[in-house]
Amino acid sequence: MKKNSLVSTFYLLLSIYPCLGFGLAFMLESSSFAMGRGNDCMDEMKAALSEKMAKGIKPKQAYISVIKMYEKKGCAEEVKSLLTEMISCGMNPGVSIYNSVLNAYVQLGDGDKAEAFLATMIGIDAHPNLKSYNSVINAYSNGNLPDKAEAFLATMIGIDAHPDITSYNAVLSAYAKAGPPDKAEAFLATMIGIDAHPDITSYNVVLSAYVKAGLPDKAEAFLVTMIGIDAHPNLESYNLVIDAYERAGRTDKAQAIRHDSHFLLNMNLR
């Protein structure tokens, strides 16, 4: 749909839904509005919103649909602007739409802005849920800031936000991504020490960190530790170690572990 057509559609919609006023007009006719990742997000979003409403989709559903589409592209500022427009029109967006802004910051790896927006949610009583808090950790993780992810987890504990295993694993993944892998293993030890109940995902995250670092022997040693403490390694656990040895060109070791994994996993299934 061309710009002239979009603008005409906007004025038609405005005559039906006066509350759409300033914000949508600004989006449709001002390139200076575009922020975050540039004009591409805004151009696509305004076209999608206009088309959906021209088809008779109710305004709230049109906004929600477009917001959900573009949170995945990291169009955080634009998504936040659509949220503001919804509120100015008297629509109740619900916590899932606030979380869409946080999820967009996750895509950008911008933990600071995610945390600031969460603070805004708390301030206006938008009822952030556990997903809201975990999104901030994931944003720091994607920004390769594991220390900030862990600090925010500590904040969650301090304000009784009740972090779950997903929260802890998100911090663990942050350390695994940023490296070195021994920091991920150290955080796993912390989880064990405070009875955070690490699951098989937790252990496999540490294994993946050793694989990523090209340290197959340490990956195997950690697998042996898992077996020794009854952490119940699964097929993925063994495959991670096999992959580490194959990447290192040590196919004999990979084949030996492949043989052992078949035997041990079959024993566990009995």
Protein backbone atom coordinates (compact mmCIF):
# COMPACT_ATOMS: atom_id res chain seq x y z
CA MET A 1 0.00 0.00 0.00
CA LYS A 2 1.46 3.37 -1.04
CA LYS A 3 1.86 6.31 1.35
CA ASN A 4 -0.96 8.39 -0.20
CA SER A 5 -3.30 5.45 0.17
CA LEU A 6 -2.19 4.96 3.78
CA VAL A 7 -2.80 8.60 4.61
CA SER A 8 -6.25 8.49 3.02
CA THR A 9 -7.05 5.38 5.04
CA PHE A 10 -5.88 7.14 8.19
CA TYR A 11 -8.24 10.08 7.70
CA LEU A 12 -11.11 7.68 7.08
CA LEU A 13 -10.30 5.83 10.30
CA LEU A 14 -9.90 9.11 12.17
CA SER A 15 -13.43 10.11 11.23
CA ILE A 16 -14.67 6.85 12.76
CA TYR A 17 -12.27 6.64 15.73
CA PRO A 18 -11.40 10.21 16.85
CA CYS A 19 -9.27 8.91 19.72
CA LEU A 20 -6.63 7.75 17.24
CA GLY A 21 -5.73 11.40 16.60
CA PHE A 22 -2.31 12.79 17.13
CA GLY A 23 -0.21 9.69 17.65
CA LEU A 24 -1.29 7.78 14.57
CA ALA A 25 -1.23 10.89 12.39
CA PHE A 26 2.28 11.55 13.56
CA MET A 27 3.30 8.00 12.71
CA LEU A 28 1.82 8.16 9.24
CA GLU A 29 3.10 11.57 8.16
CA SER A 30 6.31 12.27 10.05
CA SER A 31 9.56 10.47 9.36
CA SER A 32 11.06 12.18 12.40
CA PHE A 33 8.97 9.88 14.62
CA ALA A 34 11.03 6.84 13.64
CA MET A 35 13.41 5.78 16.42
CA GLY A 36 15.18 2.66 17.61
CA ARG A 37 16.13 0.74 14.49
CA GLY A 38 15.24 3.46 11.98
CA ASN A 39 12.40 4.09 9.56
CA ASP A 40 11.94 0.49 8.43
CA CYS A 41 10.11 -0.62 11.59
CA MET A 42 7.87 2.41 11.62
CA ASP A 43 7.02 2.27 7.92
CA GLU A 44 6.06 -1.40 8.18
CA MET A 45 4.13 -0.94 11.41
CA LYS A 46 2.05 2.00 10.24
CA ALA A 47 1.17 0.12 7.03
CA ALA A 48 0.19 -3.02 8.96
CA LEU A 49 -1.91 -1.07 11.47
CA SER A 50 -3.69 0.94 8.77
CA GLU A 51 -4.43 -2.15 6.68
CA LYS A 52 -5.82 -4.14 9.60
CA MET A 53 -8.14 -1.33 10.67
CA ALA A 54 -9.23 -0.71 7.07
CA LYS A 55 -10.36 -4.34 6.99
CA GLY A 56 -12.69 -3.69 9.89
CA ILE A 57 -10.55 -5.16 12.66
CA LYS A 58 -11.39 -3.49 15.96
CA PRO A 59 -8.80 -0.87 16.99
CA LYS A 60 -7.60 -2.69 20.12
CA GLN A 61 -7.11 -5.97 18.29
CA ALA A 62 -5.35 -4.16 15.44
CA TYR A 63 -2.92 -2.53 17.87
CA ILE A 64 -2.27 -5.80 19.72
CA SER A 65 -1.69 -7.71 16.50
CA VAL A 66 0.82 -5.18 15.16
CA ILE A 67 2.61 -4.84 18.50
CA LYS A 68 3.00 -8.61 18.79
CA MET A 69 4.42 -8.81 15.28
CA TYR A 70 7.01 -6.10 15.76
CA GLU A 71 8.23 -6.84 19.26
CA LYS A 72 10.17 -9.73 17.69
CA LYS A 73 11.98 -7.29 15.40
CA GLY A 74 13.30 -5.27 18.31
CA CYS A 75 11.27 -2.17 17.41
CA ALA A 76 11.12 -1.26 21.09
CA GLU A 77 10.56 2.48 20.93
CA GLU A 78 7.95 2.14 18.22
CA VAL A 79 6.12 -0.61 20.11
CA LYS A 80 6.21 1.57 23.22
CA SER A 81 4.67 4.43 21.23
CA LEU A 82 1.83 2.21 20.04
CA LEU A 83 1.26 1.15 23.65
CA THR A 84 1.06 4.82 24.65
CA GLU A 85 -1.40 5.44 21.82
CA MET A 86 -3.59 2.55 23.04
CA ILE A 87 -3.70 4.04 26.54
CA SER A 88 -4.52 7.52 25.20
CA CYS A 89 -7.46 5.98 23.33
CA GLY A 90 -8.81 4.53 26.57
CA MET A 91 -7.84 0.96 25.80
CA ASN A 92 -6.60 -1.31 28.58
CA PRO A 93 -3.56 -3.03 27.03
CA GLY A 94 -3.00 -5.63 29.77
CA VAL A 95 0.34 -6.84 31.10
CA SER A 96 1.10 -8.93 28.00
CA ILE A 97 1.33 -5.78 25.88
CA TYR A 98 3.60 -4.09 28.40
CA ASN A 99 5.70 -7.25 28.21
CA SER A 100 5.88 -6.81 24.44
CA VAL A 101 7.94 -3.67 25.00
CA LEU A 102 10.23 -5.62 27.34
CA ASN A 103 10.52 -8.43 24.78
CA ALA A 104 11.56 -5.92 22.14
CA TYR A 105 14.35 -4.76 24.46
CA VAL A 106 15.32 -8.43 24.85
CA GLN A 107 15.79 -8.61 21.08
CA LEU A 108 17.98 -5.51 21.25
CA GLY A 109 19.96 -6.80 24.23
CA ASP A 110 19.24 -3.55 26.05
CA GLY A 111 18.87 -4.54 29.69
CA ASP A 112 19.14 -1.01 31.04
CA LYS A 113 16.14 0.19 29.05
CA ALA A 114 14.23 -2.98 29.87
CA GLU A 115 14.86 -2.45 33.58
CA ALA A 116 13.85 1.21 33.31
CA PHE A 117 10.61 0.28 31.56
CA LEU A 118 9.88 -2.36 34.21
CA ALA A 119 10.30 0.37 36.84
CA THR A 120 7.74 2.43 34.91
CA MET A 121 5.35 -0.54 34.92
CA ILE A 122 5.70 -0.83 38.69
CA GLY A 123 5.22 2.92 39.12
CA ILE A 124 1.95 3.02 37.17
CA ASP A 125 0.68 -0.21 38.75
CA ALA A 126 0.72 -2.17 35.47
CA HIS A 127 1.09 -5.39 37.48
CA PRO A 128 4.31 -6.83 36.03
CA ASN A 129 4.46 -10.61 36.29
CA LEU A 130 7.32 -13.07 36.46
CA LYS A 131 7.71 -12.94 32.67
CA SER A 132 8.27 -9.19 32.98
CA TYR A 133 11.13 -9.66 35.43
CA ASN A 134 12.66 -12.55 33.49
CA SER A 135 12.63 -10.44 30.34
CA VAL A 136 14.99 -7.97 32.00
CA ILE A 137 17.41 -10.80 32.80
CA ASN A 138 17.16 -12.04 29.21
CA ALA A 139 17.83 -8.54 27.90
CA TYR A 140 21.03 -8.33 29.95
CA SER A 141 21.93 -11.83 28.78
CA ASN A 142 21.53 -10.89 25.12
CA GLY A 143 23.64 -7.82 25.78
CA ASN A 144 26.44 -10.05 27.17
CA LEU A 145 26.14 -8.51 30.62
CA PRO A 146 25.93 -11.52 32.96
CA ASP A 147 26.98 -9.53 36.04
CA LYS A 148 24.03 -7.17 35.55
CA ALA A 149 21.75 -10.15 34.95
CA GLU A 150 22.84 -11.66 38.26
CA ALA A 151 22.50 -8.30 40.03
CA PHE A 152 18.94 -7.98 38.77
CA LEU A 153 18.20 -11.52 39.98
CA ALA A 154 19.41 -10.41 43.41
CA THR A 155 17.03 -7.45 43.17
CA MET A 156 14.17 -9.83 42.40
CA ILE A 157 15.00 -11.85 45.49
CA GLY A 158 15.23 -8.69 47.59
CA ILE A 159 11.76 -7.44 46.60
CA ASP A 160 10.12 -10.89 46.84
CA ALA A 161 9.50 -11.15 43.09
CA HIS A 162 9.86 -14.92 43.50
CA PRO A 163 12.36 -15.89 40.78
CA ASP A 164 11.88 -19.40 39.45
CA ILE A 165 14.23 -21.86 37.77
CA THR A 166 13.72 -19.97 34.48
CA SER A 167 15.10 -16.84 36.17
CA TYR A 168 18.18 -18.65 37.42
CA ASN A 169 18.75 -20.44 34.12
CA ALA A 170 18.55 -17.10 32.30
CA VAL A 171 21.43 -15.79 34.41
CA LEU A 172 23.29 -19.06 33.88
CA SER A 173 22.82 -18.70 30.12
CA ALA A 174 24.14 -15.15 30.34
CA TYR A 175 27.39 -16.42 31.85
CA ALA A 176 27.56 -19.26 29.33
CA LYS A 177 27.17 -16.84 26.41
CA ALA A 178 29.66 -14.30 27.68
CA GLY A 179 32.26 -16.81 28.86
CA PRO A 180 34.53 -18.09 30.18
CA PRO A 181 32.64 -21.34 30.94
CA ASP A 182 34.03 -21.71 34.46
CA LYS A 183 31.92 -18.66 35.45
CA ALA A 184 28.82 -20.50 34.31
CA GLU A 185 29.86 -23.53 36.34
CA ALA A 186 30.51 -21.29 39.35
CA PHE A 187 27.02 -19.81 39.12
CA LEU A 188 25.58 -23.33 38.87
CA ALA A 189 27.43 -24.14 42.10
CA THR A 190 25.80 -21.08 43.65
CA MET A 191 22.39 -22.33 42.54
CA ILE A 192 23.08 -25.68 44.19
CA GLY A 193 24.31 -23.98 47.34
CA ILE A 194 21.15 -21.89 47.80
CA ASP A 195 18.78 -24.74 46.89
CA ALA A 196 17.61 -23.13 43.66
CA HIS A 197 17.00 -26.66 42.35
CA PRO A 198 18.89 -26.64 39.03
CA ASP A 199 17.32 -28.87 36.39
CA ILE A 200 18.83 -30.73 33.45
CA THR A 201 18.64 -27.52 31.40
CA SER A 202 20.93 -25.86 33.95
CA TYR A 203 23.57 -28.55 33.61
CA ASN A 204 23.33 -28.65 29.82
CA VAL A 205 23.85 -24.88 29.68
CA VAL A 206 27.21 -25.35 31.39
CA LEU A 207 28.08 -28.20 29.02
CA SER A 208 27.22 -25.99 26.04
CA ALA A 209 29.54 -23.30 27.42
CA TYR A 210 32.47 -25.73 27.38
CA VAL A 211 31.53 -26.85 23.85
CA LYS A 212 31.40 -23.23 22.66
CA ALA A 213 34.82 -22.60 24.22
CA GLY A 214 36.31 -25.61 22.40
CA LEU A 215 37.12 -27.48 25.62
CA PRO A 216 35.93 -31.07 25.06
CA ASP A 217 37.95 -32.57 27.91
CA LYS A 218 36.38 -30.17 30.41
CA ALA A 219 32.97 -30.88 28.93
CA GLU A 220 33.52 -34.60 29.46
CA ALA A 221 34.79 -34.02 33.00
CA PHE A 222 31.65 -32.04 33.77
CA LEU A 223 29.52 -34.84 32.30
CA VAL A 224 31.26 -37.32 34.61
CA THR A 225 30.50 -34.99 37.52
CA MET A 226 26.85 -34.95 36.50
CA ILE A 227 26.76 -38.74 36.55
CA GLY A 228 28.49 -38.82 39.93
CA ILE A 229 25.98 -36.49 41.62
CA ASP A 230 22.93 -38.13 40.02
CA ALA A 231 22.11 -35.11 37.86
CA HIS A 232 20.68 -37.55 35.31
CA PRO A 233 22.33 -36.45 32.05
CA ASN A 234 20.06 -36.92 29.06
CA LEU A 235 20.70 -37.53 25.38
CA GLU A 236 21.38 -33.83 24.82
CA SER A 237 24.07 -33.91 27.52
CA TYR A 238 25.96 -36.71 25.80
CA ASN A 239 25.47 -35.18 22.36
CA LEU A 240 26.99 -31.91 23.55
CA VAL A 241 30.16 -33.69 24.62
CA ILE A 242 30.23 -35.74 21.42
CA ASP A 243 29.87 -32.54 19.42
CA ALA A 244 32.73 -30.95 21.36
CA TYR A 245 35.11 -33.80 20.49
CA GLU A 246 33.97 -33.90 16.85
CA ARG A 247 34.58 -30.17 16.49
CA ALA A 248 38.08 -30.75 17.85
CA GLY A 249 38.67 -33.51 15.29
CA ARG A 250 38.89 -36.20 17.98
CA THR A 251 36.44 -38.61 16.42
CA ASP A 252 37.73 -41.61 18.39
CA LYS A 253 36.69 -39.96 21.67
CA ALA A 254 33.39 -38.90 20.17
CA GLN A 255 32.66 -42.47 19.09
CA ALA A 256 33.59 -43.87 22.51
CA ILE A 257 31.21 -41.49 24.29
CA ARG A 258 28.52 -42.23 21.73
CA HIS A 259 28.88 -45.94 22.61
CA ASP A 260 28.82 -45.22 26.35
CA SER A 261 25.80 -42.94 26.05
CA HIS A 262 23.74 -45.66 24.37
CA PHE A 263 24.60 -48.11 27.16
CA LEU A 264 24.03 -45.68 30.04
CA LEU A 265 20.83 -44.21 28.69
CA ASN A 266 19.41 -47.66 28.04
CA MET A 267 20.26 -48.63 31.63
CA ASN A 268 18.43 -45.54 32.94
CA LEU A 269 15.32 -46.43 30.95
CA ARG A 270 15.01 -49.83 32.62
